[in-house]
Amino acid sequence: MTLVETLLVFAAIPLAIYGVIALLTLREKFAKAPRYRPGQEWEHEPVWWTANPAGLGAAHAAHHTPHNDAPAQPVRTAKGGARGGW
């Protein structure tokens, strides 16, 4: 192998691969996604996440009842607290 072939195989080709990857990641189309900024109006529906969807049960239903059918006292299901008494 000549010196030019060696440089092409061990230097130019890896540099070209890194260059293509860098260009793909630095392009505005890929790097610039619409983001929420403080002060902007939130345009999306709220997403509620729970680690145990089966455990939602009656407490979840009580929070989603219409206002005229809402119980007089809210259902409190939280346990624990700052003291950590479970």
PDB file of N, CA and C in Angstrom:
ATOM      1  N   MET A   1       0.844  -1.183   0.000  1.00  0.00           N
ATOM      2  CA  MET A   1       0.000   0.000   0.000  1.00  0.00           C
ATOM      3  C   MET A   1       0.884   1.238   0.000  1.00  0.00           C
ATOM      4  N   THR A   2       0.452   2.206  -0.749  1.00  0.00           N
ATOM      5  CA  THR A   2       1.218   3.446  -0.799  1.00  0.00           C
ATOM      6  C   THR A   2       0.825   4.338   0.373  1.00  0.00           C
ATOM      7  N   LEU A   3       1.558   5.405   0.557  1.00  0.00           N
ATOM      8  CA  LEU A   3       1.283   6.351   1.630  1.00  0.00           C
ATOM      9  C   LEU A   3      -0.079   7.023   1.436  1.00  0.00           C
ATOM     10  N   VAL A   4      -0.433   7.338   0.222  1.00  0.00           N
ATOM     11  CA  VAL A   4      -1.718   7.989  -0.069  1.00  0.00           C
ATOM     12  C   VAL A   4      -2.872   7.034   0.258  1.00  0.00           C
ATOM     13  N   GLU A   5      -2.759   5.796  -0.129  1.00  0.00           N
ATOM     14  CA  GLU A   5      -3.807   4.820   0.181  1.00  0.00           C
ATOM     15  C   GLU A   5      -3.947   4.634   1.698  1.00  0.00           C
ATOM     16  N   THR A   6      -2.844   4.593   2.404  1.00  0.00           N
ATOM     17  CA  THR A   6      -2.869   4.442   3.855  1.00  0.00           C
ATOM     18  C   THR A   6      -3.563   5.628   4.514  1.00  0.00           C
ATOM     19  N   LEU A   7      -3.238   6.834   4.075  1.00  0.00           N
ATOM     20  CA  LEU A   7      -3.880   8.025   4.625  1.00  0.00           C
ATOM     21  C   LEU A   7      -5.374   8.050   4.316  1.00  0.00           C
ATOM     22  N   LEU A   8      -5.751   7.628   3.131  1.00  0.00           N
ATOM     23  CA  LEU A   8      -7.171   7.589   2.783  1.00  0.00           C
ATOM     24  C   LEU A   8      -7.924   6.599   3.662  1.00  0.00           C
ATOM     25  N   VAL A   9      -7.369   5.435   3.862  1.00  0.00           N
ATOM     26  CA  VAL A   9      -8.064   4.399   4.620  1.00  0.00           C
ATOM     27  C   VAL A   9      -8.113   4.738   6.103  1.00  0.00           C
ATOM     28  N   PHE A  10      -6.997   5.187   6.674  1.00  0.00           N
ATOM     29  CA  PHE A  10      -6.935   5.377   8.114  1.00  0.00           C
ATOM     30  C   PHE A  10      -7.230   6.801   8.588  1.00  0.00           C
ATOM     31  N   ALA A  11      -7.294   7.777   7.692  1.00  0.00           N
ATOM     32  CA  ALA A  11      -7.546   9.154   8.117  1.00  0.00           C
ATOM     33  C   ALA A  11      -8.744   9.764   7.410  1.00  0.00           C
ATOM     34  N   ALA A  12      -8.757   9.739   6.106  1.00  0.00           N
ATOM     35  CA  ALA A  12      -9.796  10.453   5.352  1.00  0.00           C
ATOM     36  C   ALA A  12     -11.167   9.806   5.508  1.00  0.00           C
ATOM     37  N   ILE A  13     -11.243   8.502   5.420  1.00  0.00           N
ATOM     38  CA  ILE A  13     -12.548   7.826   5.533  1.00  0.00           C
ATOM     39  C   ILE A  13     -13.134   8.003   6.930  1.00  0.00           C
ATOM     40  N   PRO A  14     -12.413   7.774   8.027  1.00  0.00           N
ATOM     41  CA  PRO A  14     -12.998   8.032   9.348  1.00  0.00           C
ATOM     42  C   PRO A  14     -13.373   9.501   9.550  1.00  0.00           C
ATOM     43  N   LEU A  15     -12.539  10.416   9.068  1.00  0.00           N
ATOM     44  CA  LEU A  15     -12.886  11.837   9.181  1.00  0.00           C
ATOM     45  C   LEU A  15     -14.141  12.163   8.382  1.00  0.00           C
ATOM     46  N   ALA A  16     -14.315  11.565   7.226  1.00  0.00           N
ATOM     47  CA  ALA A  16     -15.523  11.790   6.435  1.00  0.00           C
ATOM     48  C   ALA A  16     -16.752  11.258   7.165  1.00  0.00           C
ATOM     49  N   ILE A  17     -16.640  10.103   7.788  1.00  0.00           N
ATOM     50  CA  ILE A  17     -17.771   9.537   8.533  1.00  0.00           C
ATOM     51  C   ILE A  17     -18.131  10.444   9.707  1.00  0.00           C
ATOM     52  N   TYR A  18     -17.113  10.893  10.476  1.00  0.00           N
ATOM     53  CA  TYR A  18     -17.383  11.812  11.583  1.00  0.00           C
ATOM     54  C   TYR A  18     -17.977  13.121  11.075  1.00  0.00           C
ATOM     55  N   GLY A  19     -17.516  13.597   9.936  1.00  0.00           N
ATOM     56  CA  GLY A  19     -18.049  14.837   9.373  1.00  0.00           C
ATOM     57  C   GLY A  19     -19.509  14.716   8.984  1.00  0.00           C
ATOM     58  N   VAL A  20     -19.869  13.593   8.368  1.00  0.00           N
ATOM     59  CA  VAL A  20     -21.272  13.382   7.983  1.00  0.00           C
ATOM     60  C   VAL A  20     -22.152  13.305   9.232  1.00  0.00           C
ATOM     61  N   ILE A  21     -21.708  12.592  10.244  1.00  0.00           N
ATOM     62  CA  ILE A  21     -22.485  12.496  11.482  1.00  0.00           C
ATOM     63  C   ILE A  21     -22.616  13.873  12.136  1.00  0.00           C
ATOM     64  N   ALA A  22     -21.538  14.647  12.153  1.00  0.00           N
ATOM     65  CA  ALA A  22     -21.590  15.991  12.745  1.00  0.00           C
ATOM     66  C   ALA A  22     -22.555  16.887  11.972  1.00  0.00           C
ATOM     67  N   LEU A  23     -22.533  16.825  10.666  1.00  0.00           N
ATOM     68  CA  LEU A  23     -23.447  17.649   9.870  1.00  0.00           C
ATOM     69  C   LEU A  23     -24.900  17.249  10.099  1.00  0.00           C
ATOM     70  N   LEU A  24     -25.153  15.965  10.226  1.00  0.00           N
ATOM     71  CA  LEU A  24     -26.529  15.519  10.470  1.00  0.00           C
ATOM     72  C   LEU A  24     -27.045  15.975  11.828  1.00  0.00           C
ATOM     73  N   THR A  25     -26.186  15.962  12.829  1.00  0.00           N
ATOM     74  CA  THR A  25     -26.645  16.349  14.162  1.00  0.00           C
ATOM     75  C   THR A  25     -26.675  17.856  14.350  1.00  0.00           C
ATOM     76  N   LEU A  26     -25.919  18.593  13.602  1.00  0.00           N
ATOM     77  CA  LEU A  26     -25.877  20.035  13.774  1.00  0.00           C
ATOM     78  C   LEU A  26     -26.813  20.781  12.836  1.00  0.00           C
ATOM     79  N   ARG A  27     -27.456  20.099  11.946  1.00  0.00           N
ATOM     80  CA  ARG A  27     -28.399  20.765  11.043  1.00  0.00           C
ATOM     81  C   ARG A  27     -29.558  21.343  11.834  1.00  0.00           C
ATOM     82  N   GLU A  28     -30.062  22.485  11.399  1.00  0.00           N
ATOM     83  CA  GLU A  28     -31.179  23.119  12.095  1.00  0.00           C
ATOM     84  C   GLU A  28     -32.421  22.247  12.080  1.00  0.00           C
ATOM     85  N   LYS A  29     -32.640  21.541  11.014  1.00  0.00           N
ATOM     86  CA  LYS A  29     -33.841  20.716  10.916  1.00  0.00           C
ATOM     87  C   LYS A  29     -33.887  19.670  12.024  1.00  0.00           C
ATOM     88  N   PHE A  30     -32.739  19.079  12.356  1.00  0.00           N
ATOM     89  CA  PHE A  30     -32.702  18.036  13.368  1.00  0.00           C
ATOM     90  C   PHE A  30     -32.535  18.623  14.773  1.00  0.00           C
ATOM     91  N   ALA A  31     -31.777  19.685  14.904  1.00  0.00           N
ATOM     92  CA  ALA A  31     -31.466  20.221  16.221  1.00  0.00           C
ATOM     93  C   ALA A  31     -32.528  21.199  16.723  1.00  0.00           C
ATOM     94  N   LYS A  32     -33.308  21.783  15.829  1.00  0.00           N
ATOM     95  CA  LYS A  32     -34.250  22.819  16.236  1.00  0.00           C
ATOM     96  C   LYS A  32     -35.662  22.255  16.275  1.00  0.00           C
ATOM     97  N   ALA A  33     -36.096  21.861  17.448  1.00  0.00           N
ATOM     98  CA  ALA A  33     -37.452  21.363  17.639  1.00  0.00           C
ATOM     99  C   ALA A  33     -38.234  22.422  18.404  1.00  0.00           C
ATOM    100  N   PRO A  34     -39.540  22.507  18.178  1.00  0.00           N
ATOM    101  CA  PRO A  34     -40.313  23.479  18.952  1.00  0.00           C
ATOM    102  C   PRO A  34     -40.264  23.141  20.424  1.00  0.00           C
ATOM    103  N   ARG A  35     -39.950  24.137  21.240  1.00  0.00           N
ATOM    104  CA  ARG A  35     -39.796  23.925  22.666  1.00  0.00           C
ATOM    105  C   ARG A  35     -40.696  24.884  23.426  1.00  0.00           C
ATOM    106  N   TYR A  36     -41.079  24.470  24.595  1.00  0.00           N
ATOM    107  CA  TYR A  36     -41.853  25.343  25.469  1.00  0.00           C
ATOM    108  C   TYR A  36     -40.891  26.272  26.191  1.00  0.00           C
ATOM    109  N   ARG A  37     -41.228  27.527  26.209  1.00  0.00           N
ATOM    110  CA  ARG A  37     -40.448  28.527  26.933  1.00  0.00           C
ATOM    111  C   ARG A  37     -41.317  29.129  28.024  1.00  0.00           C
ATOM    112  N   PRO A  38     -40.762  29.441  29.181  1.00  0.00           N
ATOM    113  CA  PRO A  38     -41.555  30.055  30.245  1.00  0.00           C
ATOM    114  C   PRO A  38     -42.226  31.327  29.744  1.00  0.00           C
ATOM    115  N   GLY A  39     -43.503  31.451  30.069  1.00  0.00           N
ATOM    116  CA  GLY A  39     -44.270  32.609  29.641  1.00  0.00           C
ATOM    117  C   GLY A  39     -45.139  32.326  28.430  1.00  0.00           C
ATOM    118  N   GLN A  40     -44.835  31.273  27.686  1.00  0.00           N
ATOM    119  CA  GLN A  40     -45.656  30.919  26.536  1.00  0.00           C
ATOM    120  C   GLN A  40     -46.917  30.220  27.010  1.00  0.00           C
ATOM    121  N   GLU A  41     -47.961  30.333  26.223  1.00  0.00           N
ATOM    122  CA  GLU A  41     -49.186  29.625  26.560  1.00  0.00           C
ATOM    123  C   GLU A  41     -49.017  28.139  26.256  1.00  0.00           C
ATOM    124  N   TRP A  42     -49.524  27.299  27.155  1.00  0.00           N
ATOM    125  CA  TRP A  42     -49.440  25.850  26.978  1.00  0.00           C
ATOM    126  C   TRP A  42     -50.567  25.426  26.070  1.00  0.00           C
ATOM    127  N   GLU A  43     -50.245  24.805  24.946  1.00  0.00           N
ATOM    128  CA  GLU A  43     -51.233  24.481  23.922  1.00  0.00           C
ATOM    129  C   GLU A  43     -51.627  23.014  23.902  1.00  0.00           C
ATOM    130  N   HIS A  44     -51.174  22.226  24.851  1.00  0.00           N
ATOM    131  CA  HIS A  44     -51.407  20.788  24.806  1.00  0.00           C
ATOM    132  C   HIS A  44     -52.319  20.358  25.945  1.00  0.00           C
ATOM    133  N   GLU A  45     -52.937  19.211  25.770  1.00  0.00           N
ATOM    134  CA  GLU A  45     -53.769  18.634  26.815  1.00  0.00           C
ATOM    135  C   GLU A  45     -52.879  18.163  27.960  1.00  0.00           C
ATOM    136  N   PRO A  46     -53.348  18.240  29.198  1.00  0.00           N
ATOM    137  CA  PRO A  46     -52.525  17.728  30.297  1.00  0.00           C
ATOM    138  C   PRO A  46     -52.392  16.211  30.213  1.00  0.00           C
ATOM    139  N   VAL A  47     -51.237  15.727  30.564  1.00  0.00           N
ATOM    140  CA  VAL A  47     -50.972  14.292  30.553  1.00  0.00           C
ATOM    141  C   VAL A  47     -50.706  13.874  31.989  1.00  0.00           C
ATOM    142  N   TRP A  48     -51.546  13.017  32.500  1.00  0.00           N
ATOM    143  CA  TRP A  48     -51.372  12.523  33.859  1.00  0.00           C
ATOM    144  C   TRP A  48     -50.742  11.147  33.787  1.00  0.00           C
ATOM    145  N   TRP A  49     -49.708  10.935  34.568  1.00  0.00           N
ATOM    146  CA  TRP A  49     -48.986   9.679  34.548  1.00  0.00           C
ATOM    147  C   TRP A  49     -49.044   9.058  35.923  1.00  0.00           C
ATOM    148  N   THR A  50     -49.237   7.778  35.957  1.00  0.00           N
ATOM    149  CA  THR A  50     -49.183   7.052  37.217  1.00  0.00           C
ATOM    150  C   THR A  50     -48.412   5.763  36.995  1.00  0.00           C
ATOM    151  N   ALA A  51     -47.676   5.367  37.992  1.00  0.00           N
ATOM    152  CA  ALA A  51     -46.897   4.142  37.875  1.00  0.00           C
ATOM    153  C   ALA A  51     -47.783   2.911  37.997  1.00  0.00           C
ATOM    154  N   ASN A  52     -48.966   3.078  38.588  1.00  0.00           N
ATOM    155  CA  ASN A  52     -49.859   1.948  38.791  1.00  0.00           C
ATOM    156  C   ASN A  52     -51.263   2.339  38.327  1.00  0.00           C
ATOM    157  N   PRO A  53     -51.574   2.222  37.026  1.00  0.00           N
ATOM    158  CA  PRO A  53     -52.892   2.621  36.543  1.00  0.00           C
ATOM    159  C   PRO A  53     -54.016   1.811  37.171  1.00  0.00           C
ATOM    160  N   ALA A  54     -53.760   0.577  37.567  1.00  0.00           N
ATOM    161  CA  ALA A  54     -54.815  -0.224  38.180  1.00  0.00           C
ATOM    162  C   ALA A  54     -55.151   0.289  39.572  1.00  0.00           C
ATOM    163  N   GLY A  55     -54.247   1.020  40.201  1.00  0.00           N
ATOM    164  CA  GLY A  55     -54.471   1.509  41.540  1.00  0.00           C
ATOM    165  C   GLY A  55     -55.215   2.824  41.604  1.00  0.00           C
ATOM    166  N   LEU A  56     -55.649   3.356  40.464  1.00  0.00           N
ATOM    167  CA  LEU A  56     -56.356   4.636  40.471  1.00  0.00           C
ATOM    168  C   LEU A  56     -57.720   4.506  41.137  1.00  0.00           C
ATOM    169  N   GLY A  57     -58.509   3.553  40.748  1.00  0.00           N
ATOM    170  CA  GLY A  57     -59.782   3.221  41.379  1.00  0.00           C
ATOM    171  C   GLY A  57     -60.690   4.387  41.684  1.00  0.00           C
ATOM    172  N   ALA A  58     -61.307   4.378  42.880  1.00  0.00           N
ATOM    173  CA  ALA A  58     -62.336   5.341  43.264  1.00  0.00           C
ATOM    174  C   ALA A  58     -61.763   6.734  43.470  1.00  0.00           C
ATOM    175  N   ALA A  59     -60.559   6.848  43.940  1.00  0.00           N
ATOM    176  CA  ALA A  59     -59.976   8.173  44.158  1.00  0.00           C
ATOM    177  C   ALA A  59     -59.842   8.918  42.846  1.00  0.00           C
ATOM    178  N   HIS A  60     -59.470   8.208  41.791  1.00  0.00           N
ATOM    179  CA  HIS A  60     -59.345   8.828  40.475  1.00  0.00           C
ATOM    180  C   HIS A  60     -60.718   9.238  39.957  1.00  0.00           C
ATOM    181  N   ALA A  61     -61.712   8.398  40.150  1.00  0.00           N
ATOM    182  CA  ALA A  61     -63.058   8.707  39.681  1.00  0.00           C
ATOM    183  C   ALA A  61     -63.636   9.888  40.450  1.00  0.00           C
ATOM    184  N   ALA A  62     -63.312  10.028  41.730  1.00  0.00           N
ATOM    185  CA  ALA A  62     -63.851  11.128  42.534  1.00  0.00           C
ATOM    186  C   ALA A  62     -63.322  12.468  42.047  1.00  0.00           C
ATOM    187  N   HIS A  63     -62.112  12.485  41.534  1.00  0.00           N
ATOM    188  CA  HIS A  63     -61.547  13.738  41.052  1.00  0.00           C
ATOM    189  C   HIS A  63     -62.108  14.130  39.691  1.00  0.00           C
ATOM    190  N   HIS A  64     -62.711  13.199  38.965  1.00  0.00           N
ATOM    191  CA  HIS A  64     -63.206  13.494  37.636  1.00  0.00           C
ATOM    192  C   HIS A  64     -64.722  13.515  37.561  1.00  0.00           C
ATOM    193  N   THR A  65     -65.398  13.687  38.678  1.00  0.00           N
ATOM    194  CA  THR A  65     -66.850  13.784  38.639  1.00  0.00           C
ATOM    195  C   THR A  65     -67.247  15.216  38.323  1.00  0.00           C
ATOM    196  N   PRO A  66     -68.416  15.435  37.721  1.00  0.00           N
ATOM    197  CA  PRO A  66     -68.852  16.807  37.454  1.00  0.00           C
ATOM    198  C   PRO A  66     -68.998  17.580  38.765  1.00  0.00           C
ATOM    199  N   HIS A  67     -68.923  18.898  38.688  1.00  0.00           N
ATOM    200  CA  HIS A  67     -68.932  19.740  39.887  1.00  0.00           C
ATOM    201  C   HIS A  67     -70.248  19.635  40.658  1.00  0.00           C
ATOM    202  N   ASN A  68     -71.364  19.455  39.990  1.00  0.00           N
ATOM    203  CA  ASN A  68     -72.629  19.381  40.721  1.00  0.00           C
ATOM    204  C   ASN A  68     -72.794  18.054  41.459  1.00  0.00           C
ATOM    205  N   ASP A  69     -72.064  17.016  41.073  1.00  0.00           N
ATOM    206  CA  ASP A  69     -72.125  15.722  41.751  1.00  0.00           C
ATOM    207  C   ASP A  69     -70.926  15.483  42.664  1.00  0.00           C
ATOM    208  N   ALA A  70     -70.089  16.488  42.836  1.00  0.00           N
ATOM    209  CA  ALA A  70     -68.865  16.318  43.618  1.00  0.00           C
ATOM    210  C   ALA A  70     -69.213  16.147  45.095  1.00  0.00           C
ATOM    211  N   PRO A  71     -68.472  15.287  45.797  1.00  0.00           N
ATOM    212  CA  PRO A  71     -68.729  15.126  47.229  1.00  0.00           C
ATOM    213  C   PRO A  71     -68.396  16.416  47.981  1.00  0.00           C
ATOM    214  N   ALA A  72     -69.000  16.567  49.177  1.00  0.00           N
ATOM    215  CA  ALA A  72     -68.794  17.777  49.959  1.00  0.00           C
ATOM    216  C   ALA A  72     -67.335  17.895  50.393  1.00  0.00           C
ATOM    217  N   GLN A  73     -66.721  16.801  50.789  1.00  0.00           N
ATOM    218  CA  GLN A  73     -65.323  16.791  51.203  1.00  0.00           C
ATOM    219  C   GLN A  73     -64.506  16.033  50.164  1.00  0.00           C
ATOM    220  N   PRO A  74     -63.342  16.533  49.799  1.00  0.00           N
ATOM    221  CA  PRO A  74     -62.513  15.783  48.854  1.00  0.00           C
ATOM    222  C   PRO A  74     -62.010  14.488  49.480  1.00  0.00           C
ATOM    223  N   VAL A  75     -61.856  13.481  48.666  1.00  0.00           N
ATOM    224  CA  VAL A  75     -61.358  12.188  49.134  1.00  0.00           C
ATOM    225  C   VAL A  75     -59.852  12.301  49.291  1.00  0.00           C
ATOM    226  N   ARG A  76     -59.366  12.056  50.490  1.00  0.00           N
ATOM    227  CA  ARG A  76     -57.930  12.152  50.740  1.00  0.00           C
ATOM    228  C   ARG A  76     -57.349  10.739  50.752  1.00  0.00           C
ATOM    229  N   THR A  77     -56.427  10.522  49.834  1.00  0.00           N
ATOM    230  CA  THR A  77     -55.819   9.197  49.733  1.00  0.00           C
ATOM    231  C   THR A  77     -54.336   9.225  50.051  1.00  0.00           C
ATOM    232  N   ALA A  78     -53.775  10.423  50.241  1.00  0.00           N
ATOM    233  CA  ALA A  78     -52.328  10.527  50.473  1.00  0.00           C
ATOM    234  C   ALA A  78     -51.974  10.024  51.865  1.00  0.00           C
ATOM    235  N   LYS A  79     -50.886   9.313  51.933  1.00  0.00           N
ATOM    236  CA  LYS A  79     -50.374   8.822  53.201  1.00  0.00           C
ATOM    237  C   LYS A  79     -48.916   9.243  53.292  1.00  0.00           C
ATOM    238  N   GLY A  80     -48.401   9.254  54.470  1.00  0.00           N
ATOM    239  CA  GLY A  80     -47.003   9.643  54.629  1.00  0.00           C
ATOM    240  C   GLY A  80     -46.901  11.119  54.926  1.00  0.00           C
ATOM    241  N   GLY A  81     -45.980  11.783  54.331  1.00  0.00           N
ATOM    242  CA  GLY A  81     -45.801  13.193  54.543  1.00  0.00           C
ATOM    243  C   GLY A  81     -44.346  13.505  54.819  1.00  0.00           C
ATOM    244  N   ALA A  82     -44.125  14.690  55.398  1.00  0.00           N
ATOM    245  CA  ALA A  82     -42.766  15.125  55.655  1.00  0.00           C
ATOM    246  C   ALA A  82     -42.084  14.265  56.717  1.00  0.00           C
ATOM    247  N   ARG A  83     -42.877  13.707  57.629  1.00  0.00           N
ATOM    248  CA  ARG A  83     -42.294  12.864  58.665  1.00  0.00           C
ATOM    249  C   ARG A  83     -42.018  11.470  58.155  1.00  0.00           C
ATOM    250  N   GLY A  84     -42.636  11.112  57.055  1.00  0.00           N
ATOM    251  CA  GLY A  84     -42.433   9.789  56.503  1.00  0.00           C
ATOM    252  C   GLY A  84     -43.187   8.711  57.247  1.00  0.00           C
ATOM    253  N   GLY A  85     -44.249   9.080  57.975  1.00  0.00           N
ATOM    254  CA  GLY A  85     -45.038   8.080  58.661  1.00  0.00           C
ATOM    255  C   GLY A  85     -46.007   7.429  57.699  1.00  0.00           C
ATOM    256  N   TRP A  86     -45.770   6.175  57.377  1.00  0.00           N
ATOM    257  CA  TRP A  86     -46.612   5.483  56.407  1.00  0.00           C
ATOM    258  C   TRP A  86     -47.610   4.671  57.159  1.00  0.00           C
TER     259      TRP A  86
END
